[in-house]
Amino acid sequence: MISTHSEEGGPPSGGIGVHGAVAMRDRGAEYAVPRNGLIISDPGCPGCNQRDRCVGAGCSPEELAQVERIIGHRRRLYRGEVLFRTRDPCEFLYAIKVGSLKSIQISEDGREQVIGFHMAGEIVGFDAIAGKTHTCNAVALEDSKVCAISLKRAGDAGVAAQLVQHNLSRAMSQEITREQRMIVLLSYSLALSRVASFLLNMSNNFESRGYSRSEFLLRMSRAEIGSFLGMTIETVSRSLSELAREGIIETDQRHLRILDMDRLRRKTRRIAMS
């Protein structure tokens, strides 16, 4: 849900090592991108640094070649571009190769409600499996690349398909766990607790992917964070300012640095129990 780093999602070379400090750029062979956004040249699963978190996890090189046949297509999304919309039929799940997305629902009066943020290594589209159509919109927060996993091909027989099904089940379980954490997060009555917990969740997500847990670039706006947490943009800004005044975090526009992880964690616990 935060900034992009290297072409395959790995940490940037050089620079100060801050996730998102280096803008996304193609490396190696150039991608040919027609108007429909499909990527017709791509290194594929064997060269992707996200494969251990994706449907290719645990596959041998031979099995990865079979997994390639389950990928329907790859697509580049530009910031603000919609990957799928509410009521679109579900043919694919989408693995985020590079970049980040948000899931939103549009109310009858046209208001946008953010219901999730998704970063490289995650899979989106599970909302449509039961009803065969999507229940939300998925929108790119930044220039991103996704791999479309064909549900039809994943349901076929074969060792690779079985591994893909296993990894999809694992990804779905992780999604359920994130949803449970979100329920707990929204149960906190005080805004500062919600914002602090949101930052801790972000920190944990980056650390689990081998990036800095204390310094990153927020790709979502304050308004989008507020929509996700159920509060106004002013309340989000006040909460971040309060954490900054206490020396717990430091912000420079969307660049955020956690200065004291223990105090941030203790403050969250203290508020949650109050």
C-alpha atoms as a PDB file:
ATOM      1  CA  MET A   1       0.000   0.000   0.000  1.00  0.00           C
ATOM      2  CA  ILE A   2       3.015   2.210   0.059  1.00  0.00           C
ATOM      3  CA  SER A   3       5.590   3.207  -2.465  1.00  0.00           C
ATOM      4  CA  THR A   4       7.204   1.165  -5.194  1.00  0.00           C
ATOM      5  CA  HIS A   5      10.875   0.334  -5.180  1.00  0.00           C
ATOM      6  CA  SER A   6      12.517  -1.816  -7.835  1.00  0.00           C
ATOM      7  CA  GLU A   7      11.006  -3.356 -10.954  1.00  0.00           C
ATOM      8  CA  GLU A   8      10.351  -6.695  -9.277  1.00  0.00           C
ATOM      9  CA  GLY A   9       9.390  -5.353  -5.881  1.00  0.00           C
ATOM     10  CA  GLY A  10      12.828  -5.700  -4.291  1.00  0.00           C
ATOM     11  CA  PRO A  11      14.581  -3.025  -2.255  1.00  0.00           C
ATOM     12  CA  PRO A  12      16.084  -0.193  -4.286  1.00  0.00           C
ATOM     13  CA  SER A  13      19.787  -0.170  -4.926  1.00  0.00           C
ATOM     14  CA  GLY A  14      21.648   2.865  -3.699  1.00  0.00           C
ATOM     15  CA  GLY A  15      19.905   5.851  -2.149  1.00  0.00           C
ATOM     16  CA  ILE A  16      19.086   6.081   1.533  1.00  0.00           C
ATOM     17  CA  GLY A  17      17.247   2.774   1.731  1.00  0.00           C
ATOM     18  CA  VAL A  18      13.870   4.369   2.466  1.00  0.00           C
ATOM     19  CA  HIS A  19      11.000   2.411   0.981  1.00  0.00           C
ATOM     20  CA  GLY A  20       9.506   4.619  -1.704  1.00  0.00           C
ATOM     21  CA  ALA A  21      12.414   7.068  -1.898  1.00  0.00           C
ATOM     22  CA  VAL A  22      13.288   5.761  -5.372  1.00  0.00           C
ATOM     23  CA  ALA A  23      10.683   6.195  -8.073  1.00  0.00           C
ATOM     24  CA  MET A  24       9.613   3.131 -10.040  1.00  0.00           C
ATOM     25  CA  ARG A  25      11.516   2.635 -13.265  1.00  0.00           C
ATOM     26  CA  ASP A  26      11.833  -0.263 -15.681  1.00  0.00           C
ATOM     27  CA  ARG A  27      15.072  -2.174 -15.488  1.00  0.00           C
ATOM     28  CA  GLY A  28      16.458  -4.530 -18.066  1.00  0.00           C
ATOM     29  CA  ALA A  29      14.209  -5.106 -21.076  1.00  0.00           C
ATOM     30  CA  GLU A  30      11.681  -2.353 -21.736  1.00  0.00           C
ATOM     31  CA  TYR A  31       8.015  -3.217 -21.428  1.00  0.00           C
ATOM     32  CA  ALA A  32       5.780  -2.728 -24.435  1.00  0.00           C
ATOM     33  CA  VAL A  33       2.469  -1.401 -23.120  1.00  0.00           C
ATOM     34  CA  PRO A  34      -0.438  -1.074 -25.550  1.00  0.00           C
ATOM     35  CA  ARG A  35      -3.425   1.157 -24.839  1.00  0.00           C
ATOM     36  CA  ASN A  36      -5.283  -1.537 -22.894  1.00  0.00           C
ATOM     37  CA  GLY A  37      -2.504  -1.648 -20.332  1.00  0.00           C
ATOM     38  CA  LEU A  38      -1.491  -5.252 -20.959  1.00  0.00           C
ATOM     39  CA  ILE A  39       2.202  -5.977 -20.552  1.00  0.00           C
ATOM     40  CA  ILE A  40       3.325  -8.095 -23.485  1.00  0.00           C
ATOM     41  CA  SER A  41       6.912  -8.549 -22.278  1.00  0.00           C
ATOM     42  CA  ASP A  42       7.699  -9.564 -18.725  1.00  0.00           C
ATOM     43  CA  PRO A  43      10.404 -11.528 -16.870  1.00  0.00           C
ATOM     44  CA  GLY A  44       7.690 -13.784 -15.413  1.00  0.00           C
ATOM     45  CA  CYS A  45       7.515 -15.806 -12.218  1.00  0.00           C
ATOM     46  CA  PRO A  46      11.110 -17.135 -12.178  1.00  0.00           C
ATOM     47  CA  GLY A  47      12.557 -13.616 -12.032  1.00  0.00           C
ATOM     48  CA  CYS A  48       9.994 -12.105  -9.655  1.00  0.00           C
ATOM     49  CA  ASN A  49      11.040 -11.270  -6.089  1.00  0.00           C
ATOM     50  CA  GLN A  50       7.416 -11.609  -4.946  1.00  0.00           C
ATOM     51  CA  ARG A  51       7.040 -15.249  -5.984  1.00  0.00           C
ATOM     52  CA  ASP A  52       7.692 -16.608  -2.475  1.00  0.00           C
ATOM     53  CA  ARG A  53       4.633 -14.647  -1.274  1.00  0.00           C
ATOM     54  CA  CYS A  54       2.561 -15.398  -4.362  1.00  0.00           C
ATOM     55  CA  VAL A  55       1.108 -18.413  -6.175  1.00  0.00           C
ATOM     56  CA  GLY A  56       4.589 -19.622  -7.120  1.00  0.00           C
ATOM     57  CA  ALA A  57       5.710 -20.150  -3.518  1.00  0.00           C
ATOM     58  CA  GLY A  58       7.327 -23.542  -3.008  1.00  0.00           C
ATOM     59  CA  CYS A  59       7.519 -24.327  -6.731  1.00  0.00           C
ATOM     60  CA  SER A  60      10.552 -25.808  -8.426  1.00  0.00           C
ATOM     61  CA  PRO A  61      11.831 -24.133 -11.617  1.00  0.00           C
ATOM     62  CA  GLU A  62       9.960 -26.742 -13.651  1.00  0.00           C
ATOM     63  CA  GLU A  63       6.746 -26.110 -11.723  1.00  0.00           C
ATOM     64  CA  LEU A  64       7.156 -22.351 -12.116  1.00  0.00           C
ATOM     65  CA  ALA A  65       7.065 -22.869 -15.870  1.00  0.00           C
ATOM     66  CA  GLN A  66       3.675 -24.551 -15.405  1.00  0.00           C
ATOM     67  CA  VAL A  67       2.511 -21.757 -13.097  1.00  0.00           C
ATOM     68  CA  GLU A  68       3.273 -19.339 -15.934  1.00  0.00           C
ATOM     69  CA  ARG A  69       0.486 -21.000 -17.934  1.00  0.00           C
ATOM     70  CA  ILE A  70      -1.975 -20.262 -15.094  1.00  0.00           C
ATOM     71  CA  ILE A  71      -1.208 -16.549 -15.319  1.00  0.00           C
ATOM     72  CA  GLY A  72      -3.777 -15.215 -17.783  1.00  0.00           C
ATOM     73  CA  HIS A  73      -1.947 -11.954 -18.456  1.00  0.00           C
ATOM     74  CA  ARG A  74       0.066  -9.226 -16.788  1.00  0.00           C
ATOM     75  CA  ARG A  75      -1.018  -5.641 -16.684  1.00  0.00           C
ATOM     76  CA  ARG A  76       0.383  -2.240 -15.853  1.00  0.00           C
ATOM     77  CA  LEU A  77      -1.865   0.171 -13.985  1.00  0.00           C
ATOM     78  CA  TYR A  78      -1.249   3.874 -13.773  1.00  0.00           C
ATOM     79  CA  ARG A  79      -2.059   5.828 -10.630  1.00  0.00           C
ATOM     80  CA  GLY A  80      -5.823   6.191 -10.268  1.00  0.00           C
ATOM     81  CA  GLU A  81      -6.591   3.487 -12.830  1.00  0.00           C
ATOM     82  CA  VAL A  82      -9.281   0.954 -11.936  1.00  0.00           C
ATOM     83  CA  LEU A  83      -8.359  -2.732 -12.017  1.00  0.00           C
ATOM     84  CA  PHE A  84     -11.930  -3.985 -11.565  1.00  0.00           C
ATOM     85  CA  ARG A  85     -15.265  -2.491 -10.565  1.00  0.00           C
ATOM     86  CA  THR A  86     -18.260  -3.514  -8.497  1.00  0.00           C
ATOM     87  CA  ARG A  87     -20.395  -6.079 -10.343  1.00  0.00           C
ATOM     88  CA  ASP A  88     -17.621  -6.941 -12.813  1.00  0.00           C
ATOM     89  CA  PRO A  89     -17.548 -10.708 -13.468  1.00  0.00           C
ATOM     90  CA  CYS A  90     -14.740 -12.568 -11.753  1.00  0.00           C
ATOM     91  CA  GLU A  91     -12.404 -14.469 -14.052  1.00  0.00           C
ATOM     92  CA  PHE A  92      -9.104 -13.656 -12.376  1.00  0.00           C
ATOM     93  CA  LEU A  93      -7.478 -12.995  -9.054  1.00  0.00           C
ATOM     94  CA  TYR A  94      -4.707 -10.403  -9.209  1.00  0.00           C
ATOM     95  CA  ALA A  95      -1.285 -10.689  -7.609  1.00  0.00           C
ATOM     96  CA  ILE A  96       0.328  -7.292  -7.056  1.00  0.00           C
ATOM     97  CA  LYS A  97       3.809  -7.499  -8.497  1.00  0.00           C
ATOM     98  CA  VAL A  98       4.835  -3.873  -8.043  1.00  0.00           C
ATOM     99  CA  GLY A  99       3.037  -0.951  -6.421  1.00  0.00           C
ATOM    100  CA  SER A 100      -0.088  -0.708  -4.273  1.00  0.00           C
ATOM    101  CA  LEU A 101      -3.868  -0.604  -4.587  1.00  0.00           C
ATOM    102  CA  LYS A 102      -6.895   0.364  -2.524  1.00  0.00           C
ATOM    103  CA  SER A 103     -10.296  -1.312  -2.357  1.00  0.00           C
ATOM    104  CA  ILE A 104     -13.254   1.044  -2.256  1.00  0.00           C
ATOM    105  CA  GLN A 105     -17.025   0.918  -2.209  1.00  0.00           C
ATOM    106  CA  ILE A 106     -19.183   3.738  -3.566  1.00  0.00           C
ATOM    107  CA  SER A 107     -22.286   4.666  -1.567  1.00  0.00           C
ATOM    108  CA  GLU A 108     -25.615   5.533  -3.186  1.00  0.00           C
ATOM    109  CA  ASP A 109     -24.867   9.233  -2.755  1.00  0.00           C
ATOM    110  CA  GLY A 110     -21.504   8.841  -4.469  1.00  0.00           C
ATOM    111  CA  ARG A 111     -19.223   8.869  -1.435  1.00  0.00           C
ATOM    112  CA  GLU A 112     -16.103   6.726  -1.509  1.00  0.00           C
ATOM    113  CA  GLN A 113     -15.425   4.349   1.386  1.00  0.00           C
ATOM    114  CA  VAL A 114     -11.958   2.827   1.538  1.00  0.00           C
ATOM    115  CA  ILE A 115     -12.196  -0.751   2.802  1.00  0.00           C
ATOM    116  CA  GLY A 116      -8.626  -1.912   2.299  1.00  0.00           C
ATOM    117  CA  PHE A 117      -5.078  -1.150   1.195  1.00  0.00           C
ATOM    118  CA  HIS A 118      -2.987  -3.731  -0.644  1.00  0.00           C
ATOM    119  CA  MET A 119       0.741  -3.819  -1.286  1.00  0.00           C
ATOM    120  CA  ALA A 120       3.155  -5.809  -3.448  1.00  0.00           C
ATOM    121  CA  GLY A 121       3.005  -9.526  -2.715  1.00  0.00           C
ATOM    122  CA  GLU A 122      -0.707  -9.528  -1.880  1.00  0.00           C
ATOM    123  CA  ILE A 123      -3.566 -10.926  -3.953  1.00  0.00           C
ATOM    124  CA  VAL A 124      -6.796  -9.018  -4.586  1.00  0.00           C
ATOM    125  CA  GLY A 125     -10.134 -10.191  -5.922  1.00  0.00           C
ATOM    126  CA  PHE A 126     -11.187 -12.725  -3.281  1.00  0.00           C
ATOM    127  CA  ASP A 127     -14.374 -10.707  -2.735  1.00  0.00           C
ATOM    128  CA  ALA A 128     -15.834 -12.097  -5.984  1.00  0.00           C
ATOM    129  CA  ILE A 129     -15.264 -15.820  -5.521  1.00  0.00           C
ATOM    130  CA  ALA A 130     -18.571 -16.612  -3.791  1.00  0.00           C
ATOM    131  CA  GLY A 131     -20.909 -14.444  -5.850  1.00  0.00           C
ATOM    132  CA  LYS A 132     -18.921 -14.564  -9.121  1.00  0.00           C
ATOM    133  CA  THR A 133     -18.917 -10.753  -9.316  1.00  0.00           C
ATOM    134  CA  HIS A 134     -16.830  -8.144  -7.515  1.00  0.00           C
ATOM    135  CA  THR A 135     -18.287  -6.263  -4.574  1.00  0.00           C
ATOM    136  CA  CYS A 136     -15.843  -3.342  -4.666  1.00  0.00           C
ATOM    137  CA  ASN A 137     -13.573  -1.312  -6.921  1.00  0.00           C
ATOM    138  CA  ALA A 138      -9.817  -1.861  -6.923  1.00  0.00           C
ATOM    139  CA  VAL A 139      -7.840   1.291  -7.767  1.00  0.00           C
ATOM    140  CA  ALA A 140      -4.088   1.836  -8.160  1.00  0.00           C
ATOM    141  CA  LEU A 141      -2.600   4.140  -5.517  1.00  0.00           C
ATOM    142  CA  GLU A 142       0.535   4.483  -7.654  1.00  0.00           C
ATOM    143  CA  ASP A 143       1.895   3.099 -10.908  1.00  0.00           C
ATOM    144  CA  SER A 144       1.636  -0.648 -10.388  1.00  0.00           C
ATOM    145  CA  LYS A 145       1.871  -4.016 -12.097  1.00  0.00           C
ATOM    146  CA  VAL A 146      -0.352  -7.019 -11.477  1.00  0.00           C
ATOM    147  CA  CYS A 147      -0.442 -10.630 -12.619  1.00  0.00           C
ATOM    148  CA  ALA A 148      -3.886 -12.033 -13.483  1.00  0.00           C
ATOM    149  CA  ILE A 149      -4.324 -15.552 -12.098  1.00  0.00           C
ATOM    150  CA  SER A 150      -6.868 -17.454 -14.161  1.00  0.00           C
ATOM    151  CA  LEU A 151      -9.392 -19.131 -11.849  1.00  0.00           C
ATOM    152  CA  LYS A 152     -10.314 -21.590 -14.591  1.00  0.00           C
ATOM    153  CA  ARG A 153      -6.721 -22.679 -15.175  1.00  0.00           C
ATOM    154  CA  ALA A 154      -6.003 -22.785 -11.436  1.00  0.00           C
ATOM    155  CA  GLY A 155      -8.872 -25.265 -11.096  1.00  0.00           C
ATOM    156  CA  ASP A 156      -7.345 -27.692 -13.567  1.00  0.00           C
ATOM    157  CA  ALA A 157      -5.538 -30.838 -12.523  1.00  0.00           C
ATOM    158  CA  GLY A 158      -1.773 -31.030 -12.260  1.00  0.00           C
ATOM    159  CA  VAL A 159       0.947 -30.482  -9.686  1.00  0.00           C
ATOM    160  CA  ALA A 160       1.367 -26.790 -10.471  1.00  0.00           C
ATOM    161  CA  ALA A 161      -2.379 -26.153 -10.210  1.00  0.00           C
ATOM    162  CA  GLN A 162      -2.456 -27.922  -6.841  1.00  0.00           C
ATOM    163  CA  LEU A 163       0.381 -25.726  -5.575  1.00  0.00           C
ATOM    164  CA  VAL A 164      -1.383 -22.621  -6.851  1.00  0.00           C
ATOM    165  CA  GLN A 165      -4.600 -23.688  -5.103  1.00  0.00           C
ATOM    166  CA  HIS A 166      -2.655 -24.259  -1.879  1.00  0.00           C
ATOM    167  CA  ASN A 167      -0.999 -20.842  -2.097  1.00  0.00           C
ATOM    168  CA  LEU A 168      -4.301 -19.162  -2.886  1.00  0.00           C
ATOM    169  CA  SER A 169      -5.779 -20.762   0.223  1.00  0.00           C
ATOM    170  CA  ARG A 170      -2.831 -19.453   2.229  1.00  0.00           C
ATOM    171  CA  ALA A 171      -3.334 -15.957   0.790  1.00  0.00           C
ATOM    172  CA  MET A 172      -7.040 -16.105   1.592  1.00  0.00           C
ATOM    173  CA  SER A 173      -6.233 -17.072   5.179  1.00  0.00           C
ATOM    174  CA  GLN A 174      -3.891 -14.096   5.443  1.00  0.00           C
ATOM    175  CA  GLU A 175      -6.659 -11.860   4.113  1.00  0.00           C
ATOM    176  CA  ILE A 176      -9.032 -13.138   6.800  1.00  0.00           C
ATOM    177  CA  THR A 177      -6.386 -12.428   9.448  1.00  0.00           C
ATOM    178  CA  ARG A 178      -6.008  -8.858   8.154  1.00  0.00           C
ATOM    179  CA  GLU A 179      -9.769  -8.411   8.289  1.00  0.00           C
ATOM    180  CA  GLN A 180      -9.815  -9.604  11.899  1.00  0.00           C
ATOM    181  CA  ARG A 181      -7.070  -7.149  12.827  1.00  0.00           C
ATOM    182  CA  MET A 182      -9.073  -4.408  11.144  1.00  0.00           C
ATOM    183  CA  ILE A 183     -12.125  -5.225  13.268  1.00  0.00           C
ATOM    184  CA  VAL A 184     -10.000  -4.896  16.395  1.00  0.00           C
ATOM    185  CA  LEU A 185      -8.489  -1.656  15.110  1.00  0.00           C
ATOM    186  CA  LEU A 186     -11.881  -0.069  14.471  1.00  0.00           C
ATOM    187  CA  SER A 187     -13.100  -1.129  17.903  1.00  0.00           C
ATOM    188  CA  TYR A 188     -10.750   1.435  19.497  1.00  0.00           C
ATOM    189  CA  SER A 189     -12.859   4.409  20.496  1.00  0.00           C
ATOM    190  CA  LEU A 190     -10.124   7.050  20.389  1.00  0.00           C
ATOM    191  CA  ALA A 191      -8.841   8.334  17.061  1.00  0.00           C
ATOM    192  CA  LEU A 192      -5.220   8.452  18.217  1.00  0.00           C
ATOM    193  CA  SER A 193      -5.355   4.744  19.013  1.00  0.00           C
ATOM    194  CA  ARG A 194      -6.642   3.929  15.540  1.00  0.00           C
ATOM    195  CA  VAL A 195      -3.969   5.994  13.816  1.00  0.00           C
ATOM    196  CA  ALA A 196      -1.189   4.575  15.999  1.00  0.00           C
ATOM    197  CA  SER A 197      -2.385   1.026  15.331  1.00  0.00           C
ATOM    198  CA  PHE A 198      -2.597   1.736  11.616  1.00  0.00           C
ATOM    199  CA  LEU A 199       1.036   2.868  11.592  1.00  0.00           C
ATOM    200  CA  LEU A 200       2.101  -0.209  13.558  1.00  0.00           C
ATOM    201  CA  ASN A 201       0.306  -2.472  11.095  1.00  0.00           C
ATOM    202  CA  MET A 202       2.052  -0.708   8.239  1.00  0.00           C
ATOM    203  CA  SER A 203       5.381  -1.116   9.988  1.00  0.00           C
ATOM    204  CA  ASN A 204       4.800  -4.833  10.516  1.00  0.00           C
ATOM    205  CA  ASN A 205       3.813  -5.327   6.874  1.00  0.00           C
ATOM    206  CA  PHE A 206       7.024  -3.753   5.642  1.00  0.00           C
ATOM    207  CA  GLU A 207       9.214  -5.590   8.133  1.00  0.00           C
ATOM    208  CA  SER A 208       7.703  -8.922   7.055  1.00  0.00           C
ATOM    209  CA  ARG A 209       8.790  -8.123   3.485  1.00  0.00           C
ATOM    210  CA  GLY A 210      12.357  -7.273   4.444  1.00  0.00           C
ATOM    211  CA  TYR A 211      12.023  -3.480   4.304  1.00  0.00           C
ATOM    212  CA  SER A 212      12.528  -0.810   6.923  1.00  0.00           C
ATOM    213  CA  ARG A 213       9.885  -0.966   9.612  1.00  0.00           C
ATOM    214  CA  SER A 214      10.519   2.605  10.728  1.00  0.00           C
ATOM    215  CA  GLU A 215      10.700   4.690   7.565  1.00  0.00           C
ATOM    216  CA  PHE A 216       8.386   4.602   4.570  1.00  0.00           C
ATOM    217  CA  LEU A 217       6.372   6.682   2.139  1.00  0.00           C
ATOM    218  CA  LEU A 218       2.595   6.765   2.484  1.00  0.00           C
ATOM    219  CA  ARG A 219       0.983   6.351  -0.908  1.00  0.00           C
ATOM    220  CA  MET A 220      -2.524   6.959   0.386  1.00  0.00           C
ATOM    221  CA  SER A 221      -3.759  10.433   1.262  1.00  0.00           C
ATOM    222  CA  ARG A 222      -4.848  11.595   4.715  1.00  0.00           C
ATOM    223  CA  ALA A 223      -8.426  11.527   3.412  1.00  0.00           C
ATOM    224  CA  GLU A 224      -8.038   7.894   2.312  1.00  0.00           C
ATOM    225  CA  ILE A 225      -6.583   6.923   5.697  1.00  0.00           C
ATOM    226  CA  GLY A 226      -9.519   8.663   7.359  1.00  0.00           C
ATOM    227  CA  SER A 227     -12.021   6.844   5.166  1.00  0.00           C
ATOM    228  CA  PHE A 228     -10.367   3.538   6.023  1.00  0.00           C
ATOM    229  CA  LEU A 229     -10.315   4.258   9.765  1.00  0.00           C
ATOM    230  CA  GLY A 230     -13.739   5.880   9.933  1.00  0.00           C
ATOM    231  CA  MET A 231     -12.653   9.414  10.778  1.00  0.00           C
ATOM    232  CA  THR A 232     -12.280  12.799   9.103  1.00  0.00           C
ATOM    233  CA  ILE A 233      -9.133  14.048   7.414  1.00  0.00           C
ATOM    234  CA  GLU A 234      -8.840  16.710  10.135  1.00  0.00           C
ATOM    235  CA  THR A 235      -8.859  14.042  12.853  1.00  0.00           C
ATOM    236  CA  VAL A 236      -6.191  12.028  11.052  1.00  0.00           C
ATOM    237  CA  SER A 237      -4.016  15.124  10.697  1.00  0.00           C
ATOM    238  CA  ARG A 238      -4.473  16.061  14.371  1.00  0.00           C
ATOM    239  CA  SER A 239      -3.559  12.544  15.488  1.00  0.00           C
ATOM    240  CA  LEU A 240      -0.410  12.499  13.359  1.00  0.00           C
ATOM    241  CA  SER A 241       0.517  15.971  14.626  1.00  0.00           C
ATOM    242  CA  GLU A 242       0.073  14.847  18.229  1.00  0.00           C
ATOM    243  CA  LEU A 243       2.312  11.819  17.693  1.00  0.00           C
ATOM    244  CA  ALA A 244       4.884  14.122  16.077  1.00  0.00           C
ATOM    245  CA  ARG A 245       4.746  16.647  18.928  1.00  0.00           C
ATOM    246  CA  GLU A 246       5.472  13.861  21.388  1.00  0.00           C
ATOM    247  CA  GLY A 247       8.522  12.831  19.372  1.00  0.00           C
ATOM    248  CA  ILE A 248       7.103   9.420  18.450  1.00  0.00           C
ATOM    249  CA  ILE A 249       6.979   9.992  14.691  1.00  0.00           C
ATOM    250  CA  GLU A 250       8.298  12.493  12.173  1.00  0.00           C
ATOM    251  CA  THR A 251       6.462  13.412   8.987  1.00  0.00           C
ATOM    252  CA  ASP A 252       7.405  15.325   5.854  1.00  0.00           C
ATOM    253  CA  GLN A 253       4.354  15.355   3.613  1.00  0.00           C
ATOM    254  CA  ARG A 254       3.840  11.618   2.903  1.00  0.00           C
ATOM    255  CA  HIS A 255       7.272  10.569   4.119  1.00  0.00           C
ATOM    256  CA  LEU A 256       6.894   9.098   7.599  1.00  0.00           C
ATOM    257  CA  ARG A 257       9.539   8.032  10.102  1.00  0.00           C
ATOM    258  CA  ILE A 258       8.772   6.211  13.346  1.00  0.00           C
ATOM    259  CA  LEU A 259      11.256   7.551  15.891  1.00  0.00           C
ATOM    260  CA  ASP A 260      10.201   5.518  18.922  1.00  0.00           C
ATOM    261  CA  MET A 261       8.512   2.218  18.150  1.00  0.00           C
ATOM    262  CA  ASP A 262       8.178   1.194  21.807  1.00  0.00           C
ATOM    263  CA  ARG A 263       6.410   4.416  22.789  1.00  0.00           C
ATOM    264  CA  LEU A 264       4.082   4.117  19.819  1.00  0.00           C
ATOM    265  CA  ARG A 265       3.248   0.561  20.823  1.00  0.00           C
ATOM    266  CA  ARG A 266       2.821   1.453  24.505  1.00  0.00           C
ATOM    267  CA  LYS A 267       0.592   4.408  23.673  1.00  0.00           C
ATOM    268  CA  THR A 268      -1.617   2.167  21.573  1.00  0.00           C
ATOM    269  CA  ARG A 269      -1.962  -0.346  24.383  1.00  0.00           C
ATOM    270  CA  ARG A 270      -2.632   2.302  26.958  1.00  0.00           C
ATOM    271  CA  ILE A 271      -5.338   3.978  24.896  1.00  0.00           C
ATOM    272  CA  ALA A 272      -6.920   0.689  23.858  1.00  0.00           C
ATOM    273  CA  MET A 273      -7.313  -0.335  27.506  1.00  0.00           C
ATOM    274  CA  SER A 274      -8.654   3.027  28.689  1.00  0.00           C
END
